[in-house]
C-alpha atoms as a PDB file:
ATOM      1  CA  UNK A   1      18.820  19.508   5.000  1.00  0.00           C
ATOM      2  CA  UNK A   2      19.241  17.054   2.143  1.00  0.00           C
ATOM      3  CA  UNK A   3      17.307  17.521  -1.054  1.00  0.00           C
ATOM      4  CA  UNK A   4      14.633  14.908  -1.713  1.00  0.00           C
ATOM      5  CA  UNK A   5      12.766  13.529  -4.735  1.00  0.00           C
ATOM      6  CA  UNK A   6       9.328  12.007  -4.646  1.00  0.00           C
ATOM      7  CA  UNK A   7       8.634   8.771  -6.514  1.00  0.00           C
ATOM      8  CA  UNK A   8       6.048   6.047  -6.188  1.00  0.00           C
ATOM      9  CA  UNK A   9       7.186   2.662  -7.489  1.00  0.00           C
ATOM     10  CA  UNK A  10       4.935  -0.369  -7.557  1.00  0.00           C
ATOM     11  CA  UNK A  11       6.498  -3.300  -5.702  1.00  0.00           C
ATOM     12  CA  UNK A  12       5.522  -6.834  -4.771  1.00  0.00           C
ATOM     13  CA  UNK A  13       2.895  -6.696  -2.016  1.00  0.00           C
ATOM     14  CA  UNK A  14       4.684  -9.257   0.183  1.00  0.00           C
ATOM     15  CA  UNK A  15       7.895  -7.231  -0.083  1.00  0.00           C
ATOM     16  CA  UNK A  16       6.001  -4.080   0.830  1.00  0.00           C
ATOM     17  CA  UNK A  17       4.488  -5.819   3.864  1.00  0.00           C
ATOM     18  CA  UNK A  18       7.982  -6.885   4.931  1.00  0.00           C
ATOM     19  CA  UNK A  19       9.190  -3.291   4.561  1.00  0.00           C
ATOM     20  CA  UNK A  20       6.350  -2.011   6.755  1.00  0.00           C
ATOM     21  CA  UNK A  21       6.888  -4.723   9.390  1.00  0.00           C
ATOM     22  CA  UNK A  22      10.637  -4.098   9.495  1.00  0.00           C
ATOM     23  CA  UNK A  23      10.151  -0.364   9.914  1.00  0.00           C
ATOM     24  CA  UNK A  24       7.579  -0.883  12.684  1.00  0.00           C
ATOM     25  CA  UNK A  25       9.688  -3.491  14.471  1.00  0.00           C
ATOM     26  CA  UNK A  26      12.751  -1.237  14.441  1.00  0.00           C
ATOM     27  CA  UNK A  27      10.922   1.980  15.252  1.00  0.00           C
ATOM     28  CA  UNK A  28      11.981   3.485  11.936  1.00  0.00           C
ATOM     29  CA  UNK A  29      10.104   5.129   9.113  1.00  0.00           C
ATOM     30  CA  UNK A  30       9.421   3.224   5.927  1.00  0.00           C
ATOM     31  CA  UNK A  31      11.361   5.916   4.106  1.00  0.00           C
ATOM     32  CA  UNK A  32      14.431   5.282   6.271  1.00  0.00           C
ATOM     33  CA  UNK A  33      14.314   1.518   5.704  1.00  0.00           C
ATOM     34  CA  UNK A  34      13.833   1.971   1.964  1.00  0.00           C
ATOM     35  CA  UNK A  35      16.672   4.513   1.714  1.00  0.00           C
ATOM     36  CA  UNK A  36      19.009   2.209   3.661  1.00  0.00           C
ATOM     37  CA  UNK A  37      18.105  -0.732   1.407  1.00  0.00           C
ATOM     38  CA  UNK A  38      18.684   1.343  -1.742  1.00  0.00           C
ATOM     39  CA  UNK A  39      21.955   2.721  -0.387  1.00  0.00           C
ATOM     40  CA  UNK A  40      23.218  -0.795   0.440  1.00  0.00           C
ATOM     41  CA  UNK A  41      22.180  -2.137  -2.960  1.00  0.00           C
ATOM     42  CA  UNK A  42      23.713   0.720  -4.933  1.00  0.00           C
ATOM     43  CA  UNK A  43      26.970   0.844  -2.946  1.00  0.00           C
ATOM     44  CA  UNK A  44      27.558  -2.875  -2.317  1.00  0.00           C
ATOM     45  CA  UNK A  45      25.624  -5.092  -4.715  1.00  0.00           C
ATOM     46  CA  UNK A  46      25.881  -3.147  -7.963  1.00  0.00           C
ATOM     47  CA  UNK A  47      29.672  -2.679  -7.814  1.00  0.00           C
ATOM     48  CA  UNK A  48      30.210  -6.380  -7.100  1.00  0.00           C
ATOM     49  CA  UNK A  49      28.256  -7.277 -10.242  1.00  0.00           C
ATOM     50  CA  UNK A  50      30.975  -5.655 -12.339  1.00  0.00           C
ATOM     51  CA  UNK A  51      33.994  -7.373 -10.807  1.00  0.00           C
ATOM     52  CA  UNK A  52      34.322  -9.746 -13.750  1.00  0.00           C
ATOM     53  CA  UNK A  53      34.454  -8.305 -17.240  1.00  0.00           C
ATOM     54  CA  UNK A  54      31.585  -9.286 -19.535  1.00  0.00           C
ATOM     55  CA  UNK A  55      34.010 -10.886 -22.015  1.00  0.00           C
ATOM     56  CA  UNK A  56      35.400 -13.158 -19.313  1.00  0.00           C
ATOM     57  CA  UNK A  57      31.943 -14.328 -18.270  1.00  0.00           C
ATOM     58  CA  UNK A  58      30.969 -14.961 -21.890  1.00  0.00           C
ATOM     59  CA  UNK A  59      34.098 -17.061 -22.421  1.00  0.00           C
ATOM     60  CA  UNK A  60      33.375 -18.990 -19.223  1.00  0.00           C
ATOM     61  CA  UNK A  61      29.776 -19.666 -20.258  1.00  0.00           C
ATOM     62  CA  UNK A  62      30.901 -20.844 -23.704  1.00  0.00           C
ATOM     63  CA  UNK A  63      33.451 -23.147 -22.101  1.00  0.00           C
ATOM     64  CA  UNK A  64      30.852 -24.648 -19.785  1.00  0.00           C
ATOM     65  CA  UNK A  65      28.465 -25.198 -22.694  1.00  0.00           C
ATOM     66  CA  UNK A  66      31.226 -26.779 -24.786  1.00  0.00           C
ATOM     67  CA  UNK A  67      32.367 -29.073 -21.977  1.00  0.00           C
ATOM     68  CA  UNK A  68      29.008 -29.824 -20.336  1.00  0.00           C
ATOM     69  CA  UNK A  69      29.257 -33.600 -20.869  1.00  0.00           C
ATOM     70  CA  UNK A  70      32.756 -33.773 -19.412  1.00  0.00           C
ATOM     71  CA  UNK A  71      31.765 -31.617 -16.445  1.00  0.00           C
ATOM     72  CA  UNK A  72      28.758 -33.833 -15.728  1.00  0.00           C
ATOM     73  CA  UNK A  73      30.957 -36.966 -15.817  1.00  0.00           C
ATOM     74  CA  UNK A  74      33.498 -35.355 -13.514  1.00  0.00           C
ATOM     75  CA  UNK A  75      30.751 -34.362 -11.088  1.00  0.00           C
ATOM     76  CA  UNK A  76      29.750 -38.032 -10.730  1.00  0.00           C
END
């Protein structure tokens, strides 16, 4: 049996209601739905946030700021 840890975060009430409804609709426990959501976030979302190095994003943002007027004219 897997080891567990108890924690009690405060979350947005509408999000909590959605969690409860999803668990009920799927015949699952709230714990299962929450663990699946955390697992997906940690294994899929977090790694994708680090695909581009911070320095590259900073250079891109500086370029956009520097060339904002030109980019707006090109967009028209």
